[in-house]
Amino acid sequence: VQLVESGGGLVQAGGSLRLSCAASGFTFSSYLMTWYRQAPGKERDLVARISSAGGSTNYADSVKGRFTISRDNAKNRVYLQMNSLKPEDTAVYYCNARRGFDYWGQGTQVTVSS
């Protein structure tokens, strides 16, 4: 089982990034997929979640209207489009797969400068 995040980096406030998570080793289309983030000294928080078929999504209040989660079950990938980024979005972003138990990726750093 493997989850590999990519797409992080340094961006100015107001900019955009698109994170990608490539999954392998399990039946991706059967799993709830979630993006979490963890800032230094803080707990890991849910950012956005998408159902196995992609028909249902949930977002943290802090990112509603700015972030969009999507998935491509044919490519075993989940994405997080992040627009209007703010310095407080700075964190390590993690991809999570859940179906009774959890798989995690290694994380990708997102840094938003003011």
N, C-alpha and C. Protein backbone atom coordinates (compact mmCIF):
# COMPACT_ATOMS: atom_id res chain seq x y z
N VAL A 1 0.85 -1.19 0.00
CA VAL A 1 0.00 0.00 0.00
C VAL A 1 0.89 1.24 0.00
N GLN A 2 0.52 2.17 -0.85
CA GLN A 2 1.32 3.39 -0.93
C GLN A 2 0.45 4.57 -1.31
N LEU A 3 0.66 5.67 -0.61
CA LEU A 3 0.07 6.95 -0.96
C LEU A 3 1.20 7.94 -1.10
N VAL A 4 1.28 8.59 -2.24
CA VAL A 4 2.39 9.51 -2.50
C VAL A 4 1.81 10.87 -2.89
N GLU A 5 2.04 11.85 -2.01
CA GLU A 5 1.58 13.21 -2.29
C GLU A 5 2.61 13.97 -3.11
N SER A 6 2.13 14.89 -3.89
CA SER A 6 3.01 15.78 -4.65
C SER A 6 2.28 17.09 -4.91
N GLY A 7 3.04 18.09 -5.37
CA GLY A 7 2.43 19.35 -5.74
C GLY A 7 2.60 20.47 -4.74
N GLY A 8 3.19 20.17 -3.60
CA GLY A 8 3.42 21.23 -2.61
C GLY A 8 4.53 22.16 -3.06
N GLY A 9 4.72 23.23 -2.29
CA GLY A 9 5.76 24.17 -2.62
C GLY A 9 5.56 25.50 -1.93
N LEU A 10 6.29 26.49 -2.39
CA LEU A 10 6.22 27.85 -1.85
C LEU A 10 5.42 28.72 -2.80
N VAL A 11 4.45 29.44 -2.26
CA VAL A 11 3.60 30.29 -3.08
C VAL A 11 3.27 31.56 -2.28
N GLN A 12 3.06 32.63 -2.99
CA GLN A 12 2.66 33.87 -2.33
C GLN A 12 1.19 33.83 -1.96
N ALA A 13 0.85 34.61 -0.96
CA ALA A 13 -0.56 34.73 -0.57
C ALA A 13 -1.39 35.15 -1.77
N GLY A 14 -2.55 34.51 -1.90
CA GLY A 14 -3.41 34.76 -3.04
C GLY A 14 -3.19 33.82 -4.20
N GLY A 15 -2.12 33.06 -4.13
CA GLY A 15 -1.79 32.14 -5.20
C GLY A 15 -2.53 30.82 -5.09
N SER A 16 -2.17 29.90 -5.99
CA SER A 16 -2.84 28.60 -6.07
C SER A 16 -1.82 27.48 -6.14
N LEU A 17 -2.22 26.33 -5.65
CA LEU A 17 -1.47 25.10 -5.79
C LEU A 17 -2.46 23.96 -6.00
N ARG A 18 -2.01 22.92 -6.68
CA ARG A 18 -2.82 21.72 -6.83
C ARG A 18 -2.02 20.54 -6.29
N LEU A 19 -2.52 19.95 -5.23
CA LEU A 19 -1.90 18.76 -4.66
C LEU A 19 -2.48 17.52 -5.32
N SER A 20 -1.63 16.51 -5.43
CA SER A 20 -2.06 15.24 -5.99
C SER A 20 -1.60 14.12 -5.06
N CYS A 21 -2.40 13.08 -4.96
CA CYS A 21 -2.04 11.91 -4.17
C CYS A 21 -2.25 10.68 -5.04
N ALA A 22 -1.17 9.98 -5.30
CA ALA A 22 -1.23 8.76 -6.10
C ALA A 22 -1.29 7.56 -5.19
N ALA A 23 -2.29 6.71 -5.41
CA ALA A 23 -2.53 5.55 -4.55
C ALA A 23 -2.22 4.25 -5.29
N SER A 24 -1.71 3.29 -4.55
CA SER A 24 -1.45 1.98 -5.13
C SER A 24 -1.49 0.91 -4.04
N GLY A 25 -1.78 -0.31 -4.45
CA GLY A 25 -1.74 -1.41 -3.51
C GLY A 25 -3.05 -1.73 -2.82
N PHE A 26 -4.11 -1.01 -3.15
CA PHE A 26 -5.41 -1.29 -2.56
C PHE A 26 -6.48 -0.83 -3.54
N THR A 27 -7.72 -1.21 -3.26
CA THR A 27 -8.83 -0.88 -4.16
C THR A 27 -9.26 0.56 -3.91
N PHE A 28 -8.60 1.45 -4.59
CA PHE A 28 -8.76 2.89 -4.35
C PHE A 28 -10.22 3.31 -4.41
N SER A 29 -10.97 2.81 -5.35
CA SER A 29 -12.35 3.26 -5.57
C SER A 29 -13.28 2.88 -4.44
N SER A 30 -12.82 2.04 -3.51
CA SER A 30 -13.65 1.64 -2.37
C SER A 30 -13.38 2.46 -1.12
N TYR A 31 -12.44 3.37 -1.19
CA TYR A 31 -11.97 4.07 -0.01
C TYR A 31 -12.42 5.53 0.02
N LEU A 32 -12.80 5.96 1.22
CA LEU A 32 -12.99 7.37 1.52
C LEU A 32 -11.61 8.02 1.51
N MET A 33 -11.49 9.15 0.83
CA MET A 33 -10.19 9.83 0.76
C MET A 33 -10.29 11.20 1.40
N THR A 34 -9.26 11.53 2.15
CA THR A 34 -9.26 12.77 2.92
C THR A 34 -7.89 13.44 2.83
N TRP A 35 -7.92 14.74 2.74
CA TRP A 35 -6.70 15.54 2.89
C TRP A 35 -6.71 16.12 4.31
N TYR A 36 -5.59 15.96 5.00
CA TYR A 36 -5.37 16.57 6.30
C TYR A 36 -4.17 17.51 6.18
N ARG A 37 -4.04 18.37 7.18
CA ARG A 37 -2.84 19.19 7.24
C ARG A 37 -2.41 19.37 8.68
N GLN A 38 -1.11 19.58 8.84
CA GLN A 38 -0.55 19.78 10.17
C GLN A 38 0.48 20.89 10.11
N ALA A 39 0.19 21.95 10.84
CA ALA A 39 1.12 23.07 10.97
C ALA A 39 2.05 22.80 12.15
N PRO A 40 3.21 23.44 12.18
CA PRO A 40 4.16 23.22 13.27
C PRO A 40 3.53 23.50 14.63
N GLY A 41 3.67 22.55 15.53
CA GLY A 41 3.15 22.73 16.88
C GLY A 41 1.66 22.55 17.02
N LYS A 42 1.00 22.13 15.95
CA LYS A 42 -0.46 21.98 15.99
C LYS A 42 -0.85 20.55 15.65
N GLU A 43 -2.11 20.23 15.93
CA GLU A 43 -2.62 18.91 15.62
C GLU A 43 -2.91 18.79 14.13
N ARG A 44 -2.99 17.55 13.70
CA ARG A 44 -3.36 17.28 12.31
C ARG A 44 -4.87 17.47 12.15
N ASP A 45 -5.27 18.31 11.22
CA ASP A 45 -6.67 18.66 11.04
C ASP A 45 -7.19 18.24 9.67
N LEU A 46 -8.45 17.88 9.64
CA LEU A 46 -9.10 17.55 8.37
C LEU A 46 -9.25 18.80 7.52
N VAL A 47 -8.92 18.69 6.25
CA VAL A 47 -9.08 19.80 5.30
C VAL A 47 -10.28 19.55 4.40
N ALA A 48 -10.29 18.38 3.76
CA ALA A 48 -11.37 18.06 2.83
C ALA A 48 -11.47 16.55 2.68
N ARG A 49 -12.68 16.09 2.42
CA ARG A 49 -12.96 14.66 2.33
C ARG A 49 -13.86 14.40 1.14
N ILE A 50 -13.66 13.26 0.50
CA ILE A 50 -14.49 12.89 -0.64
C ILE A 50 -14.87 11.42 -0.54
N SER A 51 -16.11 11.13 -0.86
CA SER A 51 -16.61 9.76 -0.78
C SER A 51 -15.96 8.88 -1.84
N SER A 52 -16.15 7.59 -1.71
CA SER A 52 -15.47 6.64 -2.59
C SER A 52 -15.82 6.85 -4.06
N ALA A 53 -17.07 7.19 -4.34
CA ALA A 53 -17.47 7.41 -5.74
C ALA A 53 -17.32 8.86 -6.16
N GLY A 54 -17.01 9.72 -5.21
CA GLY A 54 -16.80 11.12 -5.53
C GLY A 54 -18.04 11.99 -5.48
N GLY A 55 -19.15 11.41 -5.07
CA GLY A 55 -20.39 12.16 -5.10
C GLY A 55 -20.64 13.06 -3.91
N SER A 56 -19.84 12.89 -2.87
CA SER A 56 -20.03 13.67 -1.65
C SER A 56 -18.70 14.22 -1.17
N THR A 57 -18.71 15.49 -0.81
CA THR A 57 -17.49 16.13 -0.30
C THR A 57 -17.80 16.92 0.97
N ASN A 58 -16.78 17.07 1.80
CA ASN A 58 -16.88 17.88 3.01
C ASN A 58 -15.61 18.70 3.15
N TYR A 59 -15.76 19.89 3.71
CA TYR A 59 -14.61 20.78 3.86
C TYR A 59 -14.56 21.38 5.26
N ALA A 60 -13.37 21.66 5.71
CA ALA A 60 -13.22 22.46 6.91
C ALA A 60 -13.73 23.87 6.61
N ASP A 61 -14.30 24.49 7.62
CA ASP A 61 -14.85 25.85 7.41
C ASP A 61 -13.77 26.80 6.90
N SER A 62 -12.56 26.60 7.35
CA SER A 62 -11.47 27.53 7.01
C SER A 62 -11.08 27.50 5.53
N VAL A 63 -11.50 26.45 4.81
CA VAL A 63 -11.10 26.34 3.40
C VAL A 63 -12.30 26.35 2.44
N LYS A 64 -13.49 26.37 2.97
CA LYS A 64 -14.68 26.37 2.11
C LYS A 64 -14.65 27.55 1.15
N GLY A 65 -14.95 27.27 -0.09
CA GLY A 65 -14.96 28.30 -1.11
C GLY A 65 -13.60 28.58 -1.73
N ARG A 66 -12.54 28.01 -1.14
CA ARG A 66 -11.19 28.23 -1.67
C ARG A 66 -10.55 26.93 -2.17
N PHE A 67 -10.85 25.84 -1.50
CA PHE A 67 -10.26 24.54 -1.84
C PHE A 67 -11.32 23.64 -2.46
N THR A 68 -10.87 22.78 -3.36
CA THR A 68 -11.76 21.80 -3.98
C THR A 68 -11.07 20.44 -4.02
N ILE A 69 -11.73 19.44 -3.48
CA ILE A 69 -11.21 18.08 -3.53
C ILE A 69 -11.90 17.34 -4.66
N SER A 70 -11.14 16.51 -5.35
CA SER A 70 -11.70 15.69 -6.42
C SER A 70 -10.90 14.39 -6.50
N ARG A 71 -11.43 13.44 -7.22
CA ARG A 71 -10.73 12.17 -7.38
C ARG A 71 -10.96 11.60 -8.77
N ASP A 72 -10.02 10.79 -9.21
CA ASP A 72 -10.13 10.09 -10.48
C ASP A 72 -9.90 8.62 -10.18
N ASN A 73 -10.95 7.86 -10.05
CA ASN A 73 -10.82 6.46 -9.67
C ASN A 73 -10.16 5.61 -10.76
N ALA A 74 -10.22 6.08 -11.99
CA ALA A 74 -9.55 5.36 -13.07
C ALA A 74 -8.03 5.50 -12.98
N LYS A 75 -7.59 6.62 -12.39
CA LYS A 75 -6.15 6.87 -12.26
C LYS A 75 -5.64 6.65 -10.83
N ASN A 76 -6.54 6.26 -9.93
CA ASN A 76 -6.16 6.06 -8.52
C ASN A 76 -5.51 7.31 -7.93
N ARG A 77 -6.14 8.44 -8.16
CA ARG A 77 -5.59 9.70 -7.66
C ARG A 77 -6.68 10.54 -7.01
N VAL A 78 -6.28 11.28 -6.02
CA VAL A 78 -7.12 12.30 -5.40
C VAL A 78 -6.36 13.61 -5.45
N TYR A 79 -7.11 14.69 -5.62
CA TYR A 79 -6.51 16.00 -5.82
C TYR A 79 -7.07 17.00 -4.80
N LEU A 80 -6.30 18.03 -4.57
CA LEU A 80 -6.76 19.15 -3.77
C LEU A 80 -6.34 20.43 -4.48
N GLN A 81 -7.31 21.10 -5.09
CA GLN A 81 -7.05 22.39 -5.72
C GLN A 81 -7.19 23.47 -4.66
N MET A 82 -6.15 24.23 -4.45
CA MET A 82 -6.12 25.25 -3.41
C MET A 82 -5.94 26.62 -4.06
N ASN A 83 -6.95 27.45 -3.91
CA ASN A 83 -6.92 28.80 -4.46
C ASN A 83 -6.96 29.82 -3.33
N SER A 84 -6.62 31.04 -3.65
CA SER A 84 -6.65 32.14 -2.69
C SER A 84 -5.93 31.75 -1.40
N LEU A 85 -4.75 31.22 -1.56
CA LEU A 85 -4.01 30.71 -0.40
C LEU A 85 -3.63 31.83 0.55
N LYS A 86 -3.64 31.47 1.84
CA LYS A 86 -3.32 32.40 2.92
C LYS A 86 -2.12 31.87 3.71
N PRO A 87 -1.41 32.74 4.38
CA PRO A 87 -0.27 32.27 5.19
C PRO A 87 -0.68 31.20 6.20
N GLU A 88 -1.90 31.28 6.70
CA GLU A 88 -2.35 30.29 7.67
C GLU A 88 -2.63 28.93 7.05
N ASP A 89 -2.55 28.82 5.75
CA ASP A 89 -2.66 27.52 5.08
C ASP A 89 -1.33 26.77 5.09
N THR A 90 -0.28 27.42 5.54
CA THR A 90 1.04 26.79 5.61
C THR A 90 1.00 25.57 6.53
N ALA A 91 1.41 24.43 5.99
CA ALA A 91 1.36 23.18 6.75
C ALA A 91 1.93 22.06 5.88
N VAL A 92 2.11 20.91 6.50
CA VAL A 92 2.34 19.69 5.74
C VAL A 92 0.98 19.07 5.45
N TYR A 93 0.72 18.77 4.21
CA TYR A 93 -0.55 18.21 3.78
C TYR A 93 -0.40 16.71 3.56
N TYR A 94 -1.33 15.96 4.16
CA TYR A 94 -1.28 14.51 4.10
C TYR A 94 -2.52 13.95 3.42
N CYS A 95 -2.30 12.91 2.67
CA CYS A 95 -3.37 12.16 2.02
C CYS A 95 -3.70 10.95 2.89
N ASN A 96 -4.99 10.70 3.08
CA ASN A 96 -5.44 9.59 3.91
C ASN A 96 -6.49 8.77 3.16
N ALA A 97 -6.35 7.46 3.27
CA ALA A 97 -7.36 6.54 2.73
C ALA A 97 -7.96 5.76 3.88
N ARG A 98 -9.27 5.69 3.92
CA ARG A 98 -9.93 5.02 5.04
C ARG A 98 -11.04 4.08 4.56
N ARG A 99 -10.99 2.86 5.10
CA ARG A 99 -12.09 1.93 4.95
C ARG A 99 -12.01 1.00 6.14
N GLY A 100 -12.36 1.55 7.29
CA GLY A 100 -12.23 0.79 8.54
C GLY A 100 -10.88 0.99 9.18
N PHE A 101 -9.83 1.08 8.40
CA PHE A 101 -8.50 1.40 8.89
C PHE A 101 -7.90 2.45 7.96
N ASP A 102 -6.78 3.00 8.40
CA ASP A 102 -6.20 4.15 7.72
C ASP A 102 -4.88 3.85 7.04
N TYR A 103 -4.72 4.43 5.85
CA TYR A 103 -3.43 4.51 5.19
C TYR A 103 -3.07 5.98 5.08
N TRP A 104 -1.78 6.27 5.24
CA TRP A 104 -1.31 7.67 5.18
C TRP A 104 -0.17 7.79 4.20
N GLY A 105 -0.10 8.95 3.58
CA GLY A 105 1.06 9.30 2.79
C GLY A 105 2.11 9.97 3.66
N GLN A 106 3.22 10.35 3.02
CA GLN A 106 4.34 10.92 3.77
C GLN A 106 4.20 12.43 3.94
N GLY A 107 3.29 13.03 3.20
CA GLY A 107 3.05 14.46 3.32
C GLY A 107 3.81 15.28 2.30
N THR A 108 3.27 16.44 2.01
CA THR A 108 3.93 17.41 1.13
C THR A 108 3.80 18.80 1.77
N GLN A 109 4.90 19.53 1.77
CA GLN A 109 4.93 20.83 2.44
C GLN A 109 4.32 21.91 1.56
N VAL A 110 3.44 22.68 2.14
CA VAL A 110 2.88 23.87 1.49
C VAL A 110 3.24 25.07 2.35
N THR A 111 3.91 26.03 1.74
CA THR A 111 4.29 27.25 2.44
C THR A 111 3.75 28.45 1.69
N VAL A 112 2.98 29.26 2.39
CA VAL A 112 2.37 30.44 1.79
C VAL A 112 2.99 31.67 2.44
N SER A 113 3.65 32.47 1.63
CA SER A 113 4.30 33.67 2.14
C SER A 113 3.37 34.87 2.05
N SER A 114 3.54 35.77 2.98
CA SER A 114 2.66 36.97 3.02
C SER A 114 3.26 38.12 2.22
